[in-house]
């Protein structure tokens, strides 16, 4: 868990606390099955008193190991995302809404930072934009070598009709 003291922030409006953190994945409760972070996660940002609430603004950067959706090769890329969240004092938090709260002058940043990193991941990661993928017949990585497989595909429901055209 990542907890930050904001005791001095509540004293004055627009008071700011700067953040410059190198976090380990365990601090954000990330395991390698969710997000394979290589090394540490860099968090740069600030927490600002904006009246009855505190505003968290941060940028996260991490090297993440991904698997290409086309060729199934593993690769490492730098992932980055921005976080902007409002925290309300627990005593005056709006009811009926899903809001972040803080109590005893301590903010728990784990949830918003973890969620931002997970949501920044693409649904289909590609090792490169023009990745050729794998041959559907023999499984050869077409980025490395070409194969001699026929690229013509015949719908199995119409395969019997192909015999008529061969005559």
Protein backbone atom coordinates (compact mmCIF):
# COMPACT_ATOMS: atom_id res chain seq x y z
CA UNK A 1 0.00 0.00 0.00
CA UNK A 2 1.13 3.50 -0.77
CA UNK A 3 0.10 6.04 1.84
CA UNK A 4 1.06 9.72 1.79
CA UNK A 5 0.71 12.19 4.65
CA UNK A 6 -1.19 15.37 3.76
CA UNK A 7 -1.24 16.96 7.22
CA UNK A 8 0.38 20.21 6.03
CA UNK A 9 -1.84 20.54 2.94
CA UNK A 10 -5.12 21.08 4.71
CA UNK A 11 -3.89 24.30 6.34
CA UNK A 12 -4.03 26.55 3.26
CA UNK A 13 -5.94 26.66 0.01
CA UNK A 14 -3.82 25.92 -3.10
CA UNK A 15 -1.03 24.46 -1.01
CA UNK A 16 0.84 21.75 -2.95
CA UNK A 17 2.82 18.63 -2.12
CA UNK A 18 5.09 17.41 -4.93
CA UNK A 19 5.46 13.69 -5.60
CA UNK A 20 8.58 12.07 -7.08
CA UNK A 21 8.43 8.36 -6.30
CA UNK A 22 10.05 5.18 -7.56
CA UNK A 23 7.61 2.43 -6.69
CA UNK A 24 7.90 -1.34 -6.77
CA UNK A 25 4.94 -3.25 -8.26
CA UNK A 26 4.23 -4.80 -4.86
CA UNK A 27 3.56 -1.33 -3.39
CA UNK A 28 0.65 -0.95 -5.84
CA UNK A 29 -0.45 -4.55 -5.23
CA UNK A 30 0.41 -5.57 -8.81
CA UNK A 31 1.52 -9.09 -9.56
CA UNK A 32 3.11 -10.29 -12.78
CA UNK A 33 -0.07 -12.06 -13.96
CA UNK A 34 -1.90 -8.71 -14.08
CA UNK A 35 0.91 -6.53 -15.36
CA UNK A 36 4.50 -7.71 -15.90
CA UNK A 37 6.39 -4.61 -14.79
CA UNK A 38 10.15 -4.73 -15.39
CA UNK A 39 11.93 -2.72 -12.70
CA UNK A 40 10.30 0.17 -10.87
CA UNK A 41 7.33 2.43 -11.59
CA UNK A 42 8.10 6.16 -11.75
CA UNK A 43 5.43 8.49 -10.34
CA UNK A 44 5.78 12.27 -10.79
CA UNK A 45 2.99 14.58 -9.74
CA UNK A 46 1.43 16.62 -7.01
CA UNK A 47 -1.38 16.77 -4.49
CA UNK A 48 -3.16 20.14 -4.27
CA UNK A 49 -5.63 21.51 -1.74
CA UNK A 50 -8.53 22.77 -3.88
CA UNK A 51 -10.98 23.73 -1.17
CA UNK A 52 -13.01 21.00 0.47
CA UNK A 53 -11.01 18.31 -1.29
CA UNK A 54 -7.52 17.26 -2.36
CA UNK A 55 -6.61 16.80 -6.01
CA UNK A 56 -4.09 14.16 -7.09
CA UNK A 57 -2.44 14.77 -10.48
CA UNK A 58 0.32 12.38 -11.49
CA UNK A 59 2.08 10.77 -14.43
CA UNK A 60 3.18 7.15 -14.20
CA UNK A 61 5.86 5.46 -16.31
CA UNK A 62 6.93 1.84 -16.26
CA UNK A 63 8.62 -0.70 -18.50
CA UNK A 64 6.11 -3.46 -19.16
CA UNK A 65 6.62 -6.89 -20.71
CA UNK A 66 3.91 -7.70 -23.25
CA UNK A 67 3.14 -10.53 -25.68
CA UNK A 68 2.44 -9.63 -29.31
CA UNK A 69 -1.10 -10.54 -30.39
CA UNK A 70 0.08 -11.55 -33.88
CA UNK A 71 3.42 -13.36 -33.53
CA UNK A 72 3.28 -14.28 -29.80
CA UNK A 73 6.79 -12.87 -29.16
CA UNK A 74 7.51 -11.19 -25.84
CA UNK A 75 8.74 -7.59 -25.90
CA UNK A 76 9.29 -4.77 -23.41
CA UNK A 77 7.87 -1.29 -23.94
CA UNK A 78 7.56 1.85 -21.82
CA UNK A 79 3.99 2.43 -20.74
CA UNK A 80 2.80 5.78 -19.42
CA UNK A 81 -0.47 7.18 -18.13
CA UNK A 82 -1.91 10.14 -16.28
CA UNK A 83 -3.98 10.11 -13.10
CA UNK A 84 -6.32 12.80 -11.87
CA UNK A 85 -8.46 12.02 -8.80
CA UNK A 86 -10.29 14.01 -6.12
CA UNK A 87 -10.16 12.93 -2.47
CA UNK A 88 -12.83 14.08 -0.01
CA UNK A 89 -12.57 14.13 3.79
CA UNK A 90 -14.34 11.01 5.05
CA UNK A 91 -16.69 13.07 7.24
CA UNK A 92 -18.08 15.18 4.37
CA UNK A 93 -17.83 12.83 1.38
CA UNK A 94 -20.86 12.92 -0.96
CA UNK A 95 -23.24 10.03 -0.27
CA UNK A 96 -24.39 7.61 -2.93
CA UNK A 97 -21.38 8.17 -5.16
CA UNK A 98 -18.21 6.20 -5.62
CA UNK A 99 -15.68 8.71 -4.32
CA UNK A 100 -12.22 8.50 -2.83
CA UNK A 101 -11.91 9.58 0.77
CA UNK A 102 -9.13 10.18 3.26
CA UNK A 103 -9.04 10.05 7.01
CA UNK A 104 -6.48 11.13 9.60
CA UNK A 105 -4.52 13.27 7.11
CA UNK A 106 -3.36 10.21 5.12
CA UNK A 107 -4.12 9.51 1.44
CA UNK A 108 -4.02 5.97 0.12
CA UNK A 109 -2.80 6.31 -3.48
CA UNK A 110 -2.69 2.57 -4.19
CA UNK A 111 -6.09 2.21 -5.87
CA UNK A 112 -5.99 5.10 -8.35
CA UNK A 113 -2.37 4.50 -9.39
CA UNK A 114 -2.88 0.76 -9.80
CA UNK A 115 -6.09 1.25 -11.78
CA UNK A 116 -4.51 3.83 -14.09
CA UNK A 117 -1.62 1.49 -14.96
CA UNK A 118 -3.95 -1.43 -15.68
CA UNK A 119 -6.31 0.67 -17.81
CA UNK A 120 -3.39 2.03 -19.85
CA UNK A 121 -2.66 -1.44 -21.23
CA UNK A 122 -3.90 -2.03 -24.77
CA UNK A 123 -6.33 -4.85 -25.49
CA UNK A 124 -4.10 -6.10 -28.33
CA UNK A 125 -0.41 -5.38 -28.01
CA UNK A 126 1.75 -5.50 -31.13
CA UNK A 127 5.55 -5.83 -31.12
CA UNK A 128 5.63 -3.49 -34.12
CA UNK A 129 2.92 -1.88 -36.21
CA UNK A 130 3.67 -3.96 -39.32
CA UNK A 131 4.02 -7.32 -37.54
CA UNK A 132 3.25 -10.12 -40.02
CA UNK A 133 2.26 -12.65 -37.36
CA UNK A 134 2.27 -16.42 -37.66
CA UNK A 135 1.36 -18.56 -40.66
CA UNK A 136 -2.08 -20.04 -39.96
CA UNK A 137 -1.06 -23.35 -41.58
CA UNK A 138 2.44 -24.18 -40.33
CA UNK A 139 2.93 -21.65 -37.50
CA UNK A 140 6.12 -20.07 -38.90
CA UNK A 141 6.90 -16.56 -37.63
CA UNK A 142 6.50 -14.58 -40.85
CA UNK A 143 8.64 -11.73 -39.45
CA UNK A 144 11.64 -14.07 -39.41
CA UNK A 145 11.17 -16.33 -42.45
CA UNK A 146 8.67 -16.84 -45.24
CA UNK A 147 6.89 -20.14 -45.67
CA UNK A 148 5.66 -22.03 -48.73
CA UNK A 149 2.12 -22.55 -47.50
CA UNK A 150 -0.74 -21.68 -49.82
CA UNK A 151 -2.49 -18.49 -48.76
CA UNK A 152 -5.66 -19.55 -50.54
CA UNK A 153 -8.30 -20.73 -48.14
CA UNK A 154 -11.35 -22.70 -49.16
CA UNK A 155 -14.47 -22.66 -47.09
CA UNK A 156 -14.89 -26.28 -45.92
CA UNK A 157 -18.60 -26.14 -46.73
CA UNK A 158 -17.73 -25.44 -50.38
CA UNK A 159 -14.75 -27.82 -50.68
CA UNK A 160 -16.83 -30.43 -52.50
CA UNK A 161 -17.58 -27.88 -55.23
CA UNK A 162 -13.86 -27.33 -55.82
CA UNK A 163 -13.68 -30.82 -57.33
CA UNK A 164 -15.99 -29.69 -60.14
CA UNK A 165 -13.72 -26.80 -61.09
CA UNK A 166 -10.65 -29.06 -61.18
CA UNK A 167 -12.16 -31.15 -64.06
